[in-house]
C-alpha atoms as a PDB file:
ATOM      1  CA  UNK A   1     -92.263 101.238 -56.659  1.00  0.00           C
ATOM      2  CA  UNK A   2     -90.811  97.753 -57.356  1.00  0.00           C
ATOM      3  CA  UNK A   3     -93.473  95.099 -57.904  1.00  0.00           C
ATOM      4  CA  UNK A   4     -92.890  91.518 -56.760  1.00  0.00           C
ATOM      5  CA  UNK A   5     -95.080  88.564 -57.716  1.00  0.00           C
ATOM      6  CA  UNK A   6     -95.222  86.009 -54.891  1.00  0.00           C
ATOM      7  CA  UNK A   7     -96.851  82.611 -55.442  1.00  0.00           C
ATOM      8  CA  UNK A   8     -97.511  80.311 -52.494  1.00  0.00           C
ATOM      9  CA  UNK A   9    -100.426  78.089 -51.486  1.00  0.00           C
ATOM     10  CA  UNK A  10    -100.005  78.948 -47.794  1.00  0.00           C
ATOM     11  CA  UNK A  11    -101.994  82.120 -46.911  1.00  0.00           C
ATOM     12  CA  UNK A  12     -99.796  82.821 -43.863  1.00  0.00           C
ATOM     13  CA  UNK A  13     -96.690  82.753 -46.054  1.00  0.00           C
ATOM     14  CA  UNK A  14     -98.311  85.133 -48.515  1.00  0.00           C
ATOM     15  CA  UNK A  15     -99.206  87.490 -45.676  1.00  0.00           C
ATOM     16  CA  UNK A  16     -95.622  87.361 -44.380  1.00  0.00           C
ATOM     17  CA  UNK A  17     -94.122  88.230 -47.768  1.00  0.00           C
ATOM     18  CA  UNK A  18     -96.715  90.934 -48.404  1.00  0.00           C
ATOM     19  CA  UNK A  19     -95.956  92.723 -45.140  1.00  0.00           C
ATOM     20  CA  UNK A  20     -92.168  92.300 -45.417  1.00  0.00           C
ATOM     21  CA  UNK A  21     -92.135  93.724 -48.953  1.00  0.00           C
ATOM     22  CA  UNK A  22     -94.436  96.588 -47.932  1.00  0.00           C
ATOM     23  CA  UNK A  23     -91.982  97.562 -45.176  1.00  0.00           C
ATOM     24  CA  UNK A  24     -89.377  98.257 -47.885  1.00  0.00           C
ATOM     25  CA  UNK A  25     -91.755 100.332 -49.976  1.00  0.00           C
ATOM     26  CA  UNK A  26     -92.421  97.606 -52.532  1.00  0.00           C
ATOM     27  CA  UNK A  27     -95.678  96.179 -53.835  1.00  0.00           C
ATOM     28  CA  UNK A  28     -96.416  92.485 -53.393  1.00  0.00           C
ATOM     29  CA  UNK A  29     -98.904  90.852 -55.740  1.00  0.00           C
ATOM     30  CA  UNK A  30    -100.003  87.489 -54.339  1.00  0.00           C
ATOM     31  CA  UNK A  31    -100.900  84.346 -56.277  1.00  0.00           C
ATOM     32  CA  UNK A  32    -102.335  81.288 -54.529  1.00  0.00           C
ATOM     33  CA  UNK A  33    -100.812  78.798 -56.957  1.00  0.00           C
ATOM     34  CA  UNK A  34     -98.648  78.478 -60.053  1.00  0.00           C
ATOM     35  CA  UNK A  35    -101.507  78.782 -62.514  1.00  0.00           C
ATOM     36  CA  UNK A  36    -102.607  82.141 -61.112  1.00  0.00           C
ATOM     37  CA  UNK A  37     -98.978  83.296 -61.135  1.00  0.00           C
ATOM     38  CA  UNK A  38     -98.665  82.487 -64.846  1.00  0.00           C
ATOM     39  CA  UNK A  39    -101.842  84.471 -65.629  1.00  0.00           C
ATOM     40  CA  UNK A  40    -100.641  87.494 -63.659  1.00  0.00           C
ATOM     41  CA  UNK A  41     -97.134  87.405 -65.149  1.00  0.00           C
ATOM     42  CA  UNK A  42     -98.576  87.293 -68.651  1.00  0.00           C
ATOM     43  CA  UNK A  43    -100.616  90.437 -68.076  1.00  0.00           C
ATOM     44  CA  UNK A  44     -98.613  92.659 -65.715  1.00  0.00           C
ATOM     45  CA  UNK A  45     -94.984  93.822 -65.365  1.00  0.00           C
ATOM     46  CA  UNK A  46     -92.999  92.729 -62.322  1.00  0.00           C
ATOM     47  CA  UNK A  47     -89.477  93.317 -61.063  1.00  0.00           C
ATOM     48  CA  UNK A  48     -89.076  89.921 -59.353  1.00  0.00           C
ATOM     49  CA  UNK A  49     -90.816  86.543 -59.232  1.00  0.00           C
ATOM     50  CA  UNK A  50     -90.834  84.653 -55.924  1.00  0.00           C
ATOM     51  CA  UNK A  51     -92.391  81.197 -56.275  1.00  0.00           C
ATOM     52  CA  UNK A  52     -92.899  78.325 -53.860  1.00  0.00           C
ATOM     53  CA  UNK A  53     -91.260  75.190 -55.244  1.00  0.00           C
ATOM     54  CA  UNK A  54     -94.247  72.969 -54.419  1.00  0.00           C
ATOM     55  CA  UNK A  55     -97.798  74.139 -55.096  1.00  0.00           C
ATOM     56  CA  UNK A  56    -101.017  72.410 -56.176  1.00  0.00           C
ATOM     57  CA  UNK A  57    -102.226  72.748 -59.763  1.00  0.00           C
ATOM     58  CA  UNK A  58     -98.823  73.967 -60.984  1.00  0.00           C
ATOM     59  CA  UNK A  59     -95.556  74.043 -59.038  1.00  0.00           C
ATOM     60  CA  UNK A  60     -92.910  76.762 -59.070  1.00  0.00           C
ATOM     61  CA  UNK A  61     -90.640  75.276 -61.775  1.00  0.00           C
ATOM     62  CA  UNK A  62     -93.649  74.570 -64.000  1.00  0.00           C
ATOM     63  CA  UNK A  63     -94.961  78.107 -63.589  1.00  0.00           C
ATOM     64  CA  UNK A  64     -91.565  79.611 -64.326  1.00  0.00           C
ATOM     65  CA  UNK A  65     -91.180  77.491 -67.461  1.00  0.00           C
ATOM     66  CA  UNK A  66     -94.507  78.730 -68.825  1.00  0.00           C
ATOM     67  CA  UNK A  67     -93.671  82.350 -68.038  1.00  0.00           C
ATOM     68  CA  UNK A  68     -90.231  82.124 -69.655  1.00  0.00           C
ATOM     69  CA  UNK A  69     -91.672  80.561 -72.817  1.00  0.00           C
ATOM     70  CA  UNK A  70     -94.451  83.134 -73.089  1.00  0.00           C
ATOM     71  CA  UNK A  71     -94.508  86.709 -74.322  1.00  0.00           C
ATOM     72  CA  UNK A  72     -95.651  88.454 -71.143  1.00  0.00           C
ATOM     73  CA  UNK A  73     -93.888  91.497 -69.681  1.00  0.00           C
ATOM     74  CA  UNK A  74     -92.379  89.466 -66.799  1.00  0.00           C
ATOM     75  CA  UNK A  75     -90.789  86.721 -68.894  1.00  0.00           C
ATOM     76  CA  UNK A  76     -87.211  87.984 -68.446  1.00  0.00           C
ATOM     77  CA  UNK A  77     -87.198  89.232 -64.839  1.00  0.00           C
ATOM     78  CA  UNK A  78     -85.307  87.532 -62.009  1.00  0.00           C
ATOM     79  CA  UNK A  79     -86.928  84.566 -60.282  1.00  0.00           C
ATOM     80  CA  UNK A  80     -86.350  83.052 -56.845  1.00  0.00           C
ATOM     81  CA  UNK A  81     -87.659  79.749 -55.545  1.00  0.00           C
ATOM     82  CA  UNK A  82     -88.773  79.292 -51.950  1.00  0.00           C
ATOM     83  CA  UNK A  83     -88.682  75.908 -50.263  1.00  0.00           C
ATOM     84  CA  UNK A  84     -88.763  74.380 -46.788  1.00  0.00           C
ATOM     85  CA  UNK A  85     -86.286  71.706 -47.898  1.00  0.00           C
ATOM     86  CA  UNK A  86     -82.594  72.061 -47.113  1.00  0.00           C
ATOM     87  CA  UNK A  87     -81.705  69.208 -49.488  1.00  0.00           C
ATOM     88  CA  UNK A  88     -78.871  70.441 -51.752  1.00  0.00           C
ATOM     89  CA  UNK A  89     -80.127  68.230 -54.585  1.00  0.00           C
ATOM     90  CA  UNK A  90     -83.495  69.975 -54.505  1.00  0.00           C
ATOM     91  CA  UNK A  91     -81.798  73.369 -54.471  1.00  0.00           C
ATOM     92  CA  UNK A  92     -79.666  72.317 -57.419  1.00  0.00           C
ATOM     93  CA  UNK A  93     -82.700  71.138 -59.378  1.00  0.00           C
ATOM     94  CA  UNK A  94     -84.455  74.450 -58.761  1.00  0.00           C
ATOM     95  CA  UNK A  95     -81.481  76.361 -60.117  1.00  0.00           C
ATOM     96  CA  UNK A  96     -81.394  74.053 -63.120  1.00  0.00           C
ATOM     97  CA  UNK A  97     -85.082  74.871 -63.645  1.00  0.00           C
ATOM     98  CA  UNK A  98     -84.119  78.509 -64.127  1.00  0.00           C
ATOM     99  CA  UNK A  99     -84.365  80.080 -60.682  1.00  0.00           C
ATOM    100  CA  UNK A 100     -81.616  82.584 -59.898  1.00  0.00           C
ATOM    101  CA  UNK A 101     -81.672  81.864 -56.173  1.00  0.00           C
ATOM    102  CA  UNK A 102     -83.242  79.524 -53.640  1.00  0.00           C
ATOM    103  CA  UNK A 103     -84.701  80.964 -50.430  1.00  0.00           C
ATOM    104  CA  UNK A 104     -85.057  78.574 -47.507  1.00  0.00           C
ATOM    105  CA  UNK A 105     -88.282  78.856 -45.500  1.00  0.00           C
ATOM    106  CA  UNK A 106     -88.889  79.946 -42.858  1.00  0.00           C
ATOM    107  CA  UNK A 107     -86.827  83.093 -43.385  1.00  0.00           C
ATOM    108  CA  UNK A 108     -86.585  86.038 -41.020  1.00  0.00           C
ATOM    109  CA  UNK A 109     -87.837  89.463 -42.036  1.00  0.00           C
ATOM    110  CA  UNK A 110     -84.286  90.832 -41.818  1.00  0.00           C
ATOM    111  CA  UNK A 111     -82.877  88.080 -44.037  1.00  0.00           C
ATOM    112  CA  UNK A 112     -85.603  88.598 -46.632  1.00  0.00           C
ATOM    113  CA  UNK A 113     -85.049  92.352 -46.539  1.00  0.00           C
ATOM    114  CA  UNK A 114     -81.329  91.838 -47.083  1.00  0.00           C
ATOM    115  CA  UNK A 115     -81.920  89.672 -50.147  1.00  0.00           C
ATOM    116  CA  UNK A 116     -84.473  92.061 -51.617  1.00  0.00           C
ATOM    117  CA  UNK A 117     -82.305  95.135 -51.023  1.00  0.00           C
ATOM    118  CA  UNK A 118     -79.415  93.509 -52.840  1.00  0.00           C
ATOM    119  CA  UNK A 119     -81.522  92.543 -55.859  1.00  0.00           C
ATOM    120  CA  UNK A 120     -83.680  95.697 -55.927  1.00  0.00           C
ATOM    121  CA  UNK A 121     -81.532  98.561 -54.589  1.00  0.00           C
ATOM    122  CA  UNK A 122     -84.312 101.049 -55.333  1.00  0.00           C
ATOM    123  CA  UNK A 123     -86.234  99.647 -52.356  1.00  0.00           C
ATOM    124  CA  UNK A 124     -86.143 101.681 -49.157  1.00  0.00           C
ATOM    125  CA  UNK A 125     -84.054 100.716 -46.170  1.00  0.00           C
ATOM    126  CA  UNK A 126     -86.297  99.476 -43.318  1.00  0.00           C
ATOM    127  CA  UNK A 127     -87.489 102.129 -40.878  1.00  0.00           C
ATOM    128  CA  UNK A 128     -87.101  99.774 -37.913  1.00  0.00           C
ATOM    129  CA  UNK A 129     -83.387  98.960 -37.803  1.00  0.00           C
ATOM    130  CA  UNK A 130     -83.299  97.503 -34.287  1.00  0.00           C
ATOM    131  CA  UNK A 131     -82.661  94.030 -35.670  1.00  0.00           C
ATOM    132  CA  UNK A 132     -79.717  95.328 -37.688  1.00  0.00           C
ATOM    133  CA  UNK A 133     -77.869  97.889 -35.559  1.00  0.00           C
ATOM    134  CA  UNK A 134     -77.669  98.226 -31.777  1.00  0.00           C
ATOM    135  CA  UNK A 135     -76.237 101.623 -30.836  1.00  0.00           C
ATOM    136  CA  UNK A 136     -76.413 100.882 -27.109  1.00  0.00           C
ATOM    137  CA  UNK A 137     -74.295  97.756 -27.538  1.00  0.00           C
ATOM    138  CA  UNK A 138     -71.775  99.676 -29.630  1.00  0.00           C
ATOM    139  CA  UNK A 139     -71.573 102.505 -27.090  1.00  0.00           C
ATOM    140  CA  UNK A 140     -71.011 100.084 -24.234  1.00  0.00           C
ATOM    141  CA  UNK A 141     -68.179  98.427 -26.150  1.00  0.00           C
ATOM    142  CA  UNK A 142     -66.661 101.866 -26.846  1.00  0.00           C
ATOM    143  CA  UNK A 143     -66.930 103.110 -23.269  1.00  0.00           C
ATOM    144  CA  UNK A 144     -69.682 105.534 -24.209  1.00  0.00           C
ATOM    145  CA  UNK A 145     -67.605 107.368 -26.799  1.00  0.00           C
ATOM    146  CA  UNK A 146     -69.673 108.005 -29.940  1.00  0.00           C
ATOM    147  CA  UNK A 147     -66.584 109.015 -31.875  1.00  0.00           C
ATOM    148  CA  UNK A 148     -65.058 105.580 -31.310  1.00  0.00           C
ATOM    149  CA  UNK A 149     -68.303 103.913 -32.450  1.00  0.00           C
ATOM    150  CA  UNK A 150     -68.283 105.933 -35.672  1.00  0.00           C
ATOM    151  CA  UNK A 151     -64.626 105.126 -36.313  1.00  0.00           C
ATOM    152  CA  UNK A 152     -65.127 101.404 -35.704  1.00  0.00           C
ATOM    153  CA  UNK A 153     -68.188 101.278 -37.931  1.00  0.00           C
ATOM    154  CA  UNK A 154     -66.262 103.061 -40.685  1.00  0.00           C
ATOM    155  CA  UNK A 155     -63.616 100.344 -40.466  1.00  0.00           C
ATOM    156  CA  UNK A 156     -66.321  97.667 -40.553  1.00  0.00           C
ATOM    157  CA  UNK A 157     -67.784  99.314 -43.660  1.00  0.00           C
ATOM    158  CA  UNK A 158     -64.411  98.993 -45.386  1.00  0.00           C
ATOM    159  CA  UNK A 159     -64.166  95.373 -44.240  1.00  0.00           C
ATOM    160  CA  UNK A 160     -67.577  94.613 -45.736  1.00  0.00           C
ATOM    161  CA  UNK A 161     -66.593  96.239 -49.027  1.00  0.00           C
ATOM    162  CA  UNK A 162     -63.606  93.918 -49.333  1.00  0.00           C
ATOM    163  CA  UNK A 163     -65.496  90.834 -48.181  1.00  0.00           C
ATOM    164  CA  UNK A 164     -67.136  89.752 -51.486  1.00  0.00           C
ATOM    165  CA  UNK A 165     -63.735  89.264 -53.129  1.00  0.00           C
ATOM    166  CA  UNK A 166     -62.500  87.277 -50.137  1.00  0.00           C
ATOM    167  CA  UNK A 167     -65.612  85.090 -50.155  1.00  0.00           C
ATOM    168  CA  UNK A 168     -65.248  84.485 -53.889  1.00  0.00           C
ATOM    169  CA  UNK A 169     -61.669  83.271 -53.373  1.00  0.00           C
ATOM    170  CA  UNK A 170     -62.754  80.976 -50.542  1.00  0.00           C
ATOM    171  CA  UNK A 171     -65.607  79.621 -52.647  1.00  0.00           C
ATOM    172  CA  UNK A 172     -63.244  78.845 -55.499  1.00  0.00           C
ATOM    173  CA  UNK A 173     -60.991  76.929 -53.106  1.00  0.00           C
ATOM    174  CA  UNK A 174     -63.932  75.356 -51.230  1.00  0.00           C
ATOM    175  CA  UNK A 175     -61.948  76.064 -48.051  1.00  0.00           C
ATOM    176  CA  UNK A 176     -64.433  75.676 -45.194  1.00  0.00           C
ATOM    177  CA  UNK A 177     -61.735  75.994 -42.500  1.00  0.00           C
ATOM    178  CA  UNK A 178     -60.612  79.346 -43.877  1.00  0.00           C
ATOM    179  CA  UNK A 179     -64.250  80.462 -44.172  1.00  0.00           C
ATOM    180  CA  UNK A 180     -64.891  79.630 -40.517  1.00  0.00           C
ATOM    181  CA  UNK A 181     -61.778  81.575 -39.519  1.00  0.00           C
ATOM    182  CA  UNK A 182     -62.887  84.589 -41.554  1.00  0.00           C
ATOM    183  CA  UNK A 183     -66.344  84.470 -39.986  1.00  0.00           C
ATOM    184  CA  UNK A 184     -64.792  84.327 -36.508  1.00  0.00           C
ATOM    185  CA  UNK A 185     -62.862  87.546 -37.154  1.00  0.00           C
ATOM    186  CA  UNK A 186     -65.877  89.251 -38.682  1.00  0.00           C
ATOM    187  CA  UNK A 187     -68.021  88.255 -35.703  1.00  0.00           C
ATOM    188  CA  UNK A 188     -65.616  90.085 -33.396  1.00  0.00           C
ATOM    189  CA  UNK A 189     -65.951  93.212 -35.541  1.00  0.00           C
ATOM    190  CA  UNK A 190     -69.744  92.943 -35.476  1.00  0.00           C
ATOM    191  CA  UNK A 191     -69.730  92.678 -31.691  1.00  0.00           C
ATOM    192  CA  UNK A 192     -67.551  95.761 -31.184  1.00  0.00           C
ATOM    193  CA  UNK A 193     -69.662  97.766 -33.642  1.00  0.00           C
ATOM    194  CA  UNK A 194     -73.066  96.723 -32.321  1.00  0.00           C
ATOM    195  CA  UNK A 195     -74.337  95.015 -35.462  1.00  0.00           C
ATOM    196  CA  UNK A 196     -76.595  92.132 -34.337  1.00  0.00           C
ATOM    197  CA  UNK A 197     -77.878  91.656 -37.883  1.00  0.00           C
ATOM    198  CA  UNK A 198     -74.401  90.666 -38.988  1.00  0.00           C
ATOM    199  CA  UNK A 199     -73.912  88.446 -35.933  1.00  0.00           C
ATOM    200  CA  UNK A 200     -77.121  86.602 -36.790  1.00  0.00           C
ATOM    201  CA  UNK A 201     -76.093  86.209 -40.416  1.00  0.00           C
ATOM    202  CA  UNK A 202     -72.762  84.734 -39.345  1.00  0.00           C
ATOM    203  CA  UNK A 203     -74.560  82.285 -37.039  1.00  0.00           C
ATOM    204  CA  UNK A 204     -76.838  81.191 -39.899  1.00  0.00           C
ATOM    205  CA  UNK A 205     -73.850  80.578 -42.158  1.00  0.00           C
ATOM    206  CA  UNK A 206     -72.108  78.589 -39.419  1.00  0.00           C
ATOM    207  CA  UNK A 207     -75.259  76.470 -39.125  1.00  0.00           C
ATOM    208  CA  UNK A 208     -75.157  75.740 -42.844  1.00  0.00           C
ATOM    209  CA  UNK A 209     -71.503  74.747 -42.568  1.00  0.00           C
ATOM    210  CA  UNK A 210     -72.259  72.487 -39.599  1.00  0.00           C
ATOM    211  CA  UNK A 211     -74.926  70.703 -41.644  1.00  0.00           C
ATOM    212  CA  UNK A 212     -72.121  69.232 -43.718  1.00  0.00           C
ATOM    213  CA  UNK A 213     -74.060  69.149 -46.993  1.00  0.00           C
ATOM    214  CA  UNK A 214     -71.243  70.555 -49.097  1.00  0.00           C
ATOM    215  CA  UNK A 215     -70.263  74.097 -49.932  1.00  0.00           C
ATOM    216  CA  UNK A 216     -73.130  76.361 -48.698  1.00  0.00           C
ATOM    217  CA  UNK A 217     -73.848  78.280 -51.900  1.00  0.00           C
ATOM    218  CA  UNK A 218     -77.367  79.408 -50.968  1.00  0.00           C
ATOM    219  CA  UNK A 219     -76.423  80.268 -47.385  1.00  0.00           C
ATOM    220  CA  UNK A 220     -73.479  82.286 -48.683  1.00  0.00           C
ATOM    221  CA  UNK A 221     -75.748  84.165 -51.069  1.00  0.00           C
ATOM    222  CA  UNK A 222     -77.978  85.137 -48.155  1.00  0.00           C
ATOM    223  CA  UNK A 223     -74.923  86.100 -46.111  1.00  0.00           C
ATOM    224  CA  UNK A 224     -73.555  88.316 -48.883  1.00  0.00           C
ATOM    225  CA  UNK A 225     -76.948  90.003 -49.116  1.00  0.00           C
ATOM    226  CA  UNK A 226     -76.877  90.690 -45.379  1.00  0.00           C
ATOM    227  CA  UNK A 227     -73.416  92.228 -45.676  1.00  0.00           C
ATOM    228  CA  UNK A 228     -74.545  94.425 -48.566  1.00  0.00           C
ATOM    229  CA  UNK A 229     -77.630  95.643 -46.692  1.00  0.00           C
ATOM    230  CA  UNK A 230     -75.677  96.351 -43.509  1.00  0.00           C
ATOM    231  CA  UNK A 231     -73.119  98.244 -45.555  1.00  0.00           C
ATOM    232  CA  UNK A 232     -75.916 100.498 -46.815  1.00  0.00           C
ATOM    233  CA  UNK A 233     -77.082 101.074 -43.256  1.00  0.00           C
ATOM    234  CA  UNK A 234     -73.550 102.033 -42.200  1.00  0.00           C
ATOM    235  CA  UNK A 235     -73.080 104.518 -45.034  1.00  0.00           C
END
């Protein structure tokens, strides 16, 4: 069972992460601030660290620095920062502080599941998949023919397998117009196949592009995680 250390000074946020991680068969160990997180990481093994950027006593970057410089069993595991700020400079500073990814709060359960499933593939797929796949929508689009639904979803699975390479090329070129065009075509596929999780992920990425704060690295990371998780569901 993967163990995830979550540090946040908001008890509601801790409850959210605890329940979301439990739904995937993982164990969430909660810390109310950075100092408690450092103590726990020095004594227990974890598979992922998930720290709020701003906490009293000791913030996320400060806690991560102490853990990385220590000798505890969690000193080398992956670390994600969570923040309510969409400021790209803040996200950049968090990555420079050693975090592998930045998670924007609030985050939906499905989006968090997608990110966790990509990083920790040993986690279980969620039992409730209603937010990911909609068989009724797919059947309506296919005129009630289940064989057509299966064929279309197989094609979508192949499209998702090829997508990371396409996204990497677009990222290298920083071509937002081409990215929007690719998302438009993928959205049509998601609609025909009854995959609302993918439609929502596309909408979130469009929102990041509309914000005009530069190339949406963090939003793209979340989007790629969604695509990976949906691919597993389609297998």
